[in-house]
Protein backbone atom coordinates (compact mmCIF):
# COMPACT_ATOMS: atom_id res chain seq x y z
CA UNK A 1 -23.36 -38.21 -1.72
CA UNK A 2 -23.18 -34.72 -0.26
CA UNK A 3 -21.70 -33.49 2.98
CA UNK A 4 -23.88 -33.43 6.04
CA UNK A 5 -23.65 -30.17 7.92
CA UNK A 6 -22.57 -30.86 11.51
CA UNK A 7 -24.90 -30.13 14.37
CA UNK A 8 -24.50 -26.77 16.02
CA UNK A 9 -22.97 -26.65 19.48
CA UNK A 10 -23.37 -24.27 22.33
CA UNK A 11 -21.54 -20.96 22.16
CA UNK A 12 -18.02 -21.40 23.48
CA UNK A 13 -17.06 -17.86 24.36
CA UNK A 14 -18.51 -15.82 27.12
CA UNK A 15 -21.02 -13.26 25.98
CA UNK A 16 -19.35 -9.90 25.58
CA UNK A 17 -15.91 -11.18 24.48
CA UNK A 18 -14.63 -8.82 21.80
CA UNK A 19 -11.71 -8.31 19.45
CA UNK A 20 -10.50 -5.86 16.79
CA UNK A 21 -11.04 -6.58 13.09
CA UNK A 22 -11.11 -4.98 9.63
CA UNK A 23 -14.80 -4.51 8.81
CA UNK A 24 -16.13 -3.98 5.28
CA UNK A 25 -18.98 -1.45 5.04
CA UNK A 26 -19.61 -1.43 1.30
CA UNK A 27 -17.49 -0.38 -1.71
CA UNK A 28 -14.69 1.92 -0.64
CA UNK A 29 -15.67 1.77 3.04
CA UNK A 30 -13.81 -0.10 5.76
CA UNK A 31 -12.80 0.41 9.38
CA UNK A 32 -10.67 -1.16 12.09
CA UNK A 33 -13.12 -1.60 14.92
CA UNK A 34 -14.28 -3.56 17.92
CA UNK A 35 -16.50 -6.57 17.19
CA UNK A 36 -17.53 -9.89 18.71
CA UNK A 37 -14.85 -12.53 19.10
CA UNK A 38 -15.73 -15.67 17.07
CA UNK A 39 -17.09 -18.71 18.85
CA UNK A 40 -17.31 -22.43 18.13
CA UNK A 41 -20.58 -22.88 16.23
CA UNK A 42 -20.19 -26.41 14.86
CA UNK A 43 -18.40 -29.43 16.27
CA UNK A 44 -15.94 -29.33 13.34
CA UNK A 45 -14.89 -25.70 13.98
CA UNK A 46 -11.68 -24.27 15.39
CA UNK A 47 -11.10 -20.75 16.65
CA UNK A 48 -7.61 -19.55 15.73
CA UNK A 49 -5.72 -16.60 17.17
CA UNK A 50 -4.11 -14.78 14.25
CA UNK A 51 -0.34 -14.34 14.47
CA UNK A 52 0.27 -13.08 10.94
CA UNK A 53 -2.03 -12.22 8.07
CA UNK A 54 -1.90 -10.28 4.83
CA UNK A 55 -3.98 -8.45 2.22
CA UNK A 56 -4.85 -10.02 -1.13
CA UNK A 57 -5.67 -8.48 -4.49
CA UNK A 58 -9.06 -10.14 -4.11
CA UNK A 59 -9.67 -7.98 -1.04
CA UNK A 60 -9.09 -4.94 -3.26
CA UNK A 61 -11.63 -6.31 -5.75
CA UNK A 62 -14.12 -6.56 -2.86
CA UNK A 63 -13.35 -2.99 -1.83
CA UNK A 64 -13.99 -1.84 -5.42
CA UNK A 65 -17.42 -3.50 -5.38
CA UNK A 66 -16.51 -6.24 -7.86
CA UNK A 67 -18.03 -8.86 -5.52
CA UNK A 68 -21.39 -7.38 -4.50
CA UNK A 69 -22.39 -10.52 -2.62
CA UNK A 70 -20.00 -9.48 0.18
CA UNK A 71 -22.25 -7.83 2.74
CA UNK A 72 -21.87 -4.83 5.01
CA UNK A 73 -20.26 -5.90 8.29
CA UNK A 74 -18.09 -8.68 6.87
CA UNK A 75 -14.59 -9.18 8.29
CA UNK A 76 -12.26 -9.46 5.29
CA UNK A 77 -9.21 -11.65 4.73
CA UNK A 78 -8.57 -15.29 3.85
CA UNK A 79 -4.86 -15.81 4.57
CA UNK A 80 -2.83 -16.24 7.70
CA UNK A 81 -1.03 -18.31 10.30
CA UNK A 82 -2.01 -18.58 13.92
CA UNK A 83 -2.39 -20.60 17.11
CA UNK A 84 -5.41 -22.78 17.76
CA UNK A 85 -7.39 -21.22 20.61
CA UNK A 86 -10.21 -23.76 20.82
CA UNK A 87 -11.58 -26.71 18.85
CA UNK A 88 -14.98 -28.33 18.47
CA UNK A 89 -15.57 -31.83 19.79
CA UNK A 90 -15.29 -33.43 16.33
CA UNK A 91 -11.87 -31.95 15.51
CA UNK A 92 -9.24 -34.68 15.80
CA UNK A 93 -6.17 -33.33 13.95
CA UNK A 94 -5.63 -30.19 16.00
CA UNK A 95 -5.72 -29.08 19.62
CA UNK A 96 -5.38 -25.86 21.60
CA UNK A 97 -1.89 -24.39 21.20
CA UNK A 98 -1.10 -25.86 17.77
CA UNK A 99 0.56 -23.57 15.22
CA UNK A 100 -1.30 -23.68 11.91
CA UNK A 101 -1.54 -22.32 8.38
CA UNK A 102 -5.07 -21.23 7.47
CA UNK A 103 -6.09 -22.31 3.98
CA UNK A 104 -7.99 -19.73 1.95
CA UNK A 105 -10.34 -22.54 0.89
CA UNK A 106 -12.54 -24.35 3.40
CA UNK A 107 -13.19 -28.04 2.67
CA UNK A 108 -15.31 -30.67 4.41
CA UNK A 109 -13.33 -33.48 2.76
CA UNK A 110 -16.47 -35.60 2.32
CA UNK A 111 -18.73 -34.12 -0.36
CA UNK A 112 -18.60 -35.11 -4.04
CA UNK A 113 -16.56 -32.04 -4.99
CA UNK A 114 -14.01 -32.58 -2.21
CA UNK A 115 -13.60 -36.22 -3.27
CA UNK A 116 -12.72 -34.93 -6.76
CA UNK A 117 -10.13 -32.57 -5.27
CA UNK A 118 -12.32 -29.57 -6.13
CA UNK A 119 -12.22 -28.09 -2.62
CA UNK A 120 -13.13 -24.67 -4.00
CA UNK A 121 -16.61 -26.06 -4.72
CA UNK A 122 -17.10 -27.84 -1.39
CA UNK A 123 -20.86 -27.99 -0.73
CA UNK A 124 -20.59 -26.22 2.63
CA UNK A 125 -17.21 -24.58 2.12
CA UNK A 126 -15.05 -23.40 -0.76
CA UNK A 127 -13.80 -19.85 -0.71
CA UNK A 128 -15.94 -18.47 2.09
CA UNK A 129 -13.40 -16.86 4.45
CA UNK A 130 -13.58 -13.09 4.23
CA UNK A 131 -16.28 -13.51 1.60
CA UNK A 132 -19.38 -15.32 2.85
CA UNK A 133 -18.18 -15.67 6.46
CA UNK A 134 -15.85 -13.57 8.60
CA UNK A 135 -12.18 -13.81 7.71
CA UNK A 136 -8.62 -13.48 8.95
CA UNK A 137 -7.96 -9.74 9.09
CA UNK A 138 -8.76 -9.83 12.76
CA UNK A 139 -7.35 -10.91 16.10
CA UNK A 140 -9.27 -14.21 15.94
CA UNK A 141 -11.06 -16.22 13.23
CA UNK A 142 -13.44 -19.18 13.20
CA UNK A 143 -12.37 -21.93 10.79
CA UNK A 144 -15.07 -24.41 9.71
CA UNK A 145 -14.00 -28.00 8.96
CA UNK A 146 -10.74 -27.38 10.76
CA UNK A 147 -9.33 -30.87 10.17
CA UNK A 148 -9.32 -30.27 6.40
CA UNK A 149 -8.81 -26.50 6.31
CA UNK A 150 -5.74 -26.05 8.53
CA UNK A 151 -2.15 -27.27 8.14
CA UNK A 152 0.21 -27.88 11.05
CA UNK A 153 3.35 -25.74 11.21
CA UNK A 154 6.47 -27.54 12.48
CA UNK A 155 8.56 -25.95 15.21
CA UNK A 156 11.05 -23.40 13.92
CA UNK A 157 9.29 -22.84 10.60
CA UNK A 158 9.29 -19.35 9.09
CA UNK A 159 5.74 -18.14 9.65
CA UNK A 160 6.04 -15.21 7.23
CA UNK A 161 6.98 -17.51 4.37
CA UNK A 162 4.15 -19.88 5.25
CA UNK A 163 1.53 -17.14 5.04
CA UNK A 164 2.15 -17.32 1.28
CA UNK A 165 0.87 -20.92 1.35
CA UNK A 166 -2.58 -19.76 2.44
CA UNK A 167 -3.41 -18.49 -1.03
CA UNK A 168 -0.97 -16.97 -3.49
CA UNK A 169 1.38 -19.91 -4.03
CA UNK A 170 -1.30 -22.55 -4.66
CA UNK A 171 -3.33 -20.00 -6.67
CA UNK A 172 -0.45 -19.09 -8.97
CA UNK A 173 0.54 -22.73 -9.33
CA UNK A 174 -2.87 -24.39 -9.77
CA UNK A 175 -4.76 -21.73 -11.71
CA UNK A 176 -1.79 -20.52 -13.75
CA UNK A 177 0.95 -23.10 -14.12
CA UNK A 178 -1.04 -26.34 -13.96
CA UNK A 179 -4.05 -25.07 -15.90
CA UNK A 180 -1.67 -23.47 -18.39
CA UNK A 181 0.06 -26.84 -18.88
CA UNK A 182 3.54 -25.32 -18.72
CA UNK A 183 6.12 -27.74 -20.11
CA UNK A 184 9.91 -27.89 -20.44
CA UNK A 185 11.10 -25.65 -23.25
CA UNK A 186 7.90 -23.59 -23.43
CA UNK A 187 7.70 -19.85 -23.85
CA UNK A 188 5.24 -18.48 -21.32
CA UNK A 189 3.91 -15.01 -20.58
CA UNK A 190 2.63 -13.88 -17.21
CA UNK A 191 0.45 -10.79 -17.50
CA UNK A 192 0.50 -9.05 -14.12
CA UNK A 193 3.48 -8.93 -11.76
CA UNK A 194 1.51 -8.68 -8.53
CA UNK A 195 1.89 -11.30 -5.78
CA UNK A 196 -0.11 -14.02 -7.59
CA UNK A 197 1.69 -13.34 -10.87
CA UNK A 198 4.99 -13.62 -9.00
CA UNK A 199 3.80 -16.89 -7.45
CA UNK A 200 3.12 -18.20 -10.96
CA UNK A 201 6.60 -17.03 -11.97
CA UNK A 202 8.24 -18.89 -9.07
CA UNK A 203 6.29 -22.13 -9.47
CA UNK A 204 6.43 -22.23 -13.29
CA UNK A 205 10.14 -22.87 -12.94
CA UNK A 206 9.35 -26.36 -11.58
CA UNK A 207 8.77 -27.21 -15.27
CA UNK A 208 11.80 -25.43 -16.77
CA UNK A 209 10.16 -23.29 -19.46
CA UNK A 210 12.76 -21.89 -21.84
CA UNK A 211 11.47 -18.32 -21.62
CA UNK A 212 9.31 -16.53 -19.07
CA UNK A 213 8.02 -13.13 -20.18
CA UNK A 214 6.49 -10.97 -17.45
CA UNK A 215 4.28 -8.03 -18.46
CA UNK A 216 3.17 -5.20 -16.19
CA UNK A 217 3.01 -1.41 -16.06
CA UNK A 218 5.07 -1.12 -12.86
CA UNK A 219 8.83 -0.99 -13.49
CA UNK A 220 9.60 -1.83 -9.86
CA UNK A 221 7.59 -5.04 -10.01
CA UNK A 222 9.11 -5.93 -13.36
CA UNK A 223 12.62 -5.50 -11.97
CA UNK A 224 11.71 -7.76 -9.05
CA UNK A 225 10.35 -10.32 -11.52
CA UNK A 226 13.73 -10.32 -13.24
CA UNK A 227 15.41 -11.29 -9.97
CA UNK A 228 12.86 -14.09 -9.51
CA UNK A 229 13.65 -15.74 -12.83
CA UNK A 230 11.87 -13.82 -15.61
CA UNK A 231 13.92 -14.02 -18.81
CA UNK A 232 12.21 -10.97 -20.33
CA UNK A 233 10.23 -8.09 -18.83
CA UNK A 234 7.89 -5.80 -20.74
CA UNK A 235 6.24 -2.60 -19.55
CA UNK A 236 2.89 -2.54 -21.37
CA UNK A 237 2.11 1.12 -20.61
CA UNK A 238 3.13 2.19 -24.14
CA UNK A 239 0.55 -0.11 -25.77
CA UNK A 240 3.23 -2.04 -27.65
CA UNK A 241 3.34 -5.23 -25.57
CA UNK A 242 1.85 -7.42 -28.31
CA UNK A 243 4.33 -6.12 -30.87
CA UNK A 244 7.26 -6.74 -28.50
CA UNK A 245 6.14 -10.28 -27.64
CA UNK A 246 5.63 -11.20 -31.28
CA UNK A 247 9.14 -9.96 -32.01
CA UNK A 248 10.53 -12.06 -29.13
CA UNK A 249 8.72 -15.17 -30.39
CA UNK A 250 9.43 -14.69 -34.13
CA UNK A 251 5.74 -14.03 -34.70
CA UNK A 252 4.54 -17.33 -33.21
CA UNK A 253 3.18 -16.08 -29.91
CA UNK A 254 3.56 -17.81 -26.55
CA UNK A 255 2.72 -21.37 -25.52
CA UNK A 256 1.01 -20.29 -22.30
CA UNK A 257 -0.43 -16.91 -21.35
CA UNK A 258 -1.30 -16.51 -17.66
CA UNK A 259 -3.72 -13.68 -16.82
CA UNK A 260 -3.04 -12.54 -13.26
CA UNK A 261 -4.80 -9.17 -13.01
CA UNK A 262 -8.54 -9.52 -13.58
CA UNK A 263 -9.40 -6.72 -16.00
CA UNK A 264 -10.56 -6.77 -19.62
CA UNK A 265 -7.37 -5.25 -21.06
CA UNK A 266 -5.07 -7.92 -19.63
CA UNK A 267 -7.30 -10.81 -20.70
CA UNK A 268 -7.49 -9.42 -24.22
CA UNK A 269 -3.71 -9.03 -24.21
CA UNK A 270 -3.47 -12.77 -23.49
CA UNK A 271 -5.77 -13.45 -26.45
CA UNK A 272 -3.51 -11.37 -28.69
CA UNK A 273 -0.23 -13.06 -27.76
CA UNK A 274 -1.23 -16.72 -27.54
CA UNK A 275 0.28 -18.99 -30.17
CA UNK A 276 -1.41 -21.82 -32.05
CA UNK A 277 -2.12 -24.75 -29.76
CA UNK A 278 -1.54 -22.56 -26.72
CA UNK A 279 -3.22 -22.23 -23.35
CA UNK A 280 -4.72 -19.09 -21.80
CA UNK A 281 -4.92 -19.67 -18.04
CA UNK A 282 -7.03 -17.10 -16.23
CA UNK A 283 -6.23 -16.41 -12.58
CA UNK A 284 -7.57 -12.87 -12.18
CA UNK A 285 -10.83 -12.05 -10.38
CA UNK A 286 -13.02 -10.41 -13.03
CA UNK A 287 -15.75 -8.04 -11.90
CA UNK A 288 -16.67 -6.89 -15.40
CA UNK A 289 -17.19 -8.60 -18.78
CA UNK A 290 -14.36 -9.22 -21.19
CA UNK A 291 -14.49 -9.75 -24.96
CA UNK A 292 -13.79 -13.24 -26.25
CA UNK A 293 -12.22 -12.82 -29.68
CA UNK A 294 -13.42 -16.03 -31.29
CA UNK A 295 -13.14 -14.35 -34.68
CA UNK A 296 -9.37 -14.78 -34.36
CA UNK A 297 -9.13 -17.72 -31.93
CA UNK A 298 -11.64 -20.18 -33.40
CA UNK A 299 -9.16 -21.89 -35.72
CA UNK A 300 -6.04 -21.77 -33.54
CA UNK A 301 -6.51 -24.79 -31.23
CA UNK A 302 -6.55 -22.54 -28.16
CA UNK A 303 -7.57 -23.73 -24.69
CA UNK A 304 -8.93 -21.21 -22.19
CA UNK A 305 -9.17 -22.25 -18.56
CA UNK A 306 -10.65 -20.67 -15.45
CA UNK A 307 -10.27 -21.89 -11.90
CA UNK A 308 -10.74 -20.97 -8.29
CA UNK A 309 -7.81 -22.31 -6.30
CA UNK A 310 -8.50 -25.71 -4.73
CA UNK A 311 -5.37 -25.77 -2.53
CA UNK A 312 -4.84 -29.46 -3.34
CA UNK A 313 -1.16 -28.70 -3.98
CA UNK A 314 -0.56 -27.00 -0.61
CA UNK A 315 1.17 -30.04 0.98
CA UNK A 316 3.61 -30.30 -1.93
CA UNK A 317 4.25 -26.55 -1.95
CA UNK A 318 4.76 -26.66 1.80
CA UNK A 319 7.66 -29.07 1.26
CA UNK A 320 9.24 -26.88 -1.42
CA UNK A 321 9.07 -23.86 0.88
CA UNK A 322 10.50 -25.80 3.82
CA UNK A 323 13.38 -27.03 1.66
CA UNK A 324 13.90 -23.50 0.29
CA UNK A 325 13.47 -24.68 -3.30
CA UNK A 326 11.29 -21.58 -3.57
CA UNK A 327 11.47 -18.62 -1.20
CA UNK A 328 8.14 -16.78 -1.20
CA UNK A 329 9.24 -14.65 1.75
CA UNK A 330 11.10 -12.54 -0.81
CA UNK A 331 7.68 -11.29 -1.97
CA UNK A 332 7.18 -9.47 1.34
CA UNK A 333 7.98 -5.78 1.01
CA UNK A 334 6.17 -4.16 3.94
CA UNK A 335 5.46 -5.15 7.54
CA UNK A 336 2.83 -3.72 9.88
CA UNK A 337 1.25 -4.44 13.23
CA UNK A 338 -2.27 -5.81 13.02
CA UNK A 339 -3.76 -2.58 14.36
CA UNK A 340 -2.13 -0.73 11.44
CA UNK A 341 -4.54 -2.47 9.05
CA UNK A 342 -5.87 0.74 7.49
CA UNK A 343 -2.34 1.97 6.81
CA UNK A 344 -1.45 -1.43 5.32
CA UNK A 345 -4.46 -1.27 2.99
CA UNK A 346 -3.45 2.23 1.88
CA UNK A 347 0.05 0.95 1.10
CA UNK A 348 -1.25 -2.07 -0.83
CA UNK A 349 -3.83 -0.02 -2.73
CA UNK A 350 -1.00 2.28 -3.90
CA UNK A 351 1.41 -0.53 -4.66
CA UNK A 352 3.23 1.21 -7.53
CA UNK A 353 3.89 4.35 -5.51
CA UNK A 354 4.87 2.42 -2.37
CA UNK A 355 6.79 -0.29 -4.27
CA UNK A 356 4.65 -2.88 -2.50
CA UNK A 357 4.22 -6.54 -3.33
CA UNK A 358 3.05 -8.47 -0.27
CA UNK A 359 2.36 -6.87 3.11
CA UNK A 360 2.49 -8.78 6.39
CA UNK A 361 0.52 -7.82 9.47
CA UNK A 362 1.55 -9.22 12.83
CA UNK A 363 -0.68 -9.57 15.88
C-alpha cells in the first residue's frame, strides 16, 4: 500500500498576499526578499506563522552547492515553532491559533515507509522542507500532512528549547546514538562539536557510556562540550587525533564513532579510531565521496550505518526536554530578529570566529 495524495483545494489566501523569506539563488547566493505568502494547497495542509526558527548545518551544505537538487528560488529552512494560521479541511489534530513544533521531516503516516517508522522516506514527504518545497526561514510556511508533521506545544513551554526538537535532537539521537548502539560502559567518540554533534553528546548520556570523547578543531566548541558532559576533548587541528585516542583507549579504539560533520576527513578519522566490533554511525551530510578503508576494516567486525532522521523519537525527546532531563536551550549562542536573517547566516557561517553554536531567529 502507498499513500494517496490528497486532492488539491482552492487557494486559501487572497492573490497578492506577500511575506518576507530567505531565498536561495544558487551556491553562495541568497537574499531576504518579498515573496508570495503560502496557501493551503491540499486538504491535509496547514499554514503556520513562524515565531522562531534557526539555521542548520544542512542549510550551509545547500549554500555550498552540496545538494544541487535544491533549485533557484527555494525558501530554505526546516526547523521552527509557530502558530497555526489556517488548516485544510482534512486536518483534525490542529486548528487556527494552536502553538506547534514543526518537524523537519514530513510524514503522511499511511504509506509503507511511514508504517515502518521510516518517516524520512515517506512516499510524498520525508525531508522536503527547505529542500524540495519552501521551508521555515520565512514569516509563514506551508506544512503538508499537518496532523503527522506538527507537534502541539503546551502553554508555558519554552519555545526556544523546543526549536531544537525540530531537527538536531532527534538527528543526533537517532542517527548517532541509536544507530551507533551506545551502551552502558562504552567509550564513544563524537567527531564534530557543532549543534548536531552536541545533540548526540547530550542524548548519548541516556545510556551512560563510560567515556565520551569529543573531537573538533574549534577550542570554544570543545570547551562547551566539556560542560555538556564530554569526558575528554581533542583538538584535531594538529593531525594527532588518532594517536591521542589510541593512547586514551590503550590501543583498542572506541566502541562507537559518530561522524557529525559530513566531510571526507572526519569520516576517515572515524574509520581510524573504531575498535573491533565497533559501530561507525554517520550523521553528516556528505556532498563529496569518501574513501572506505576495507583493507583495514574487513576483518574487524565493524558496522557502518547511515540514516536520515525519521523523528520517530520526537515525542520521547519532547518529554525529556519538558522535564529538563536535557536542556538543549544551552546550545543557543546568538539571537536575531527574523529580518536579520542574512546577518544570522554570516554569524553561523563563521561559527569559530563568532563562537556560535545555534542561532535563533524570532518573528
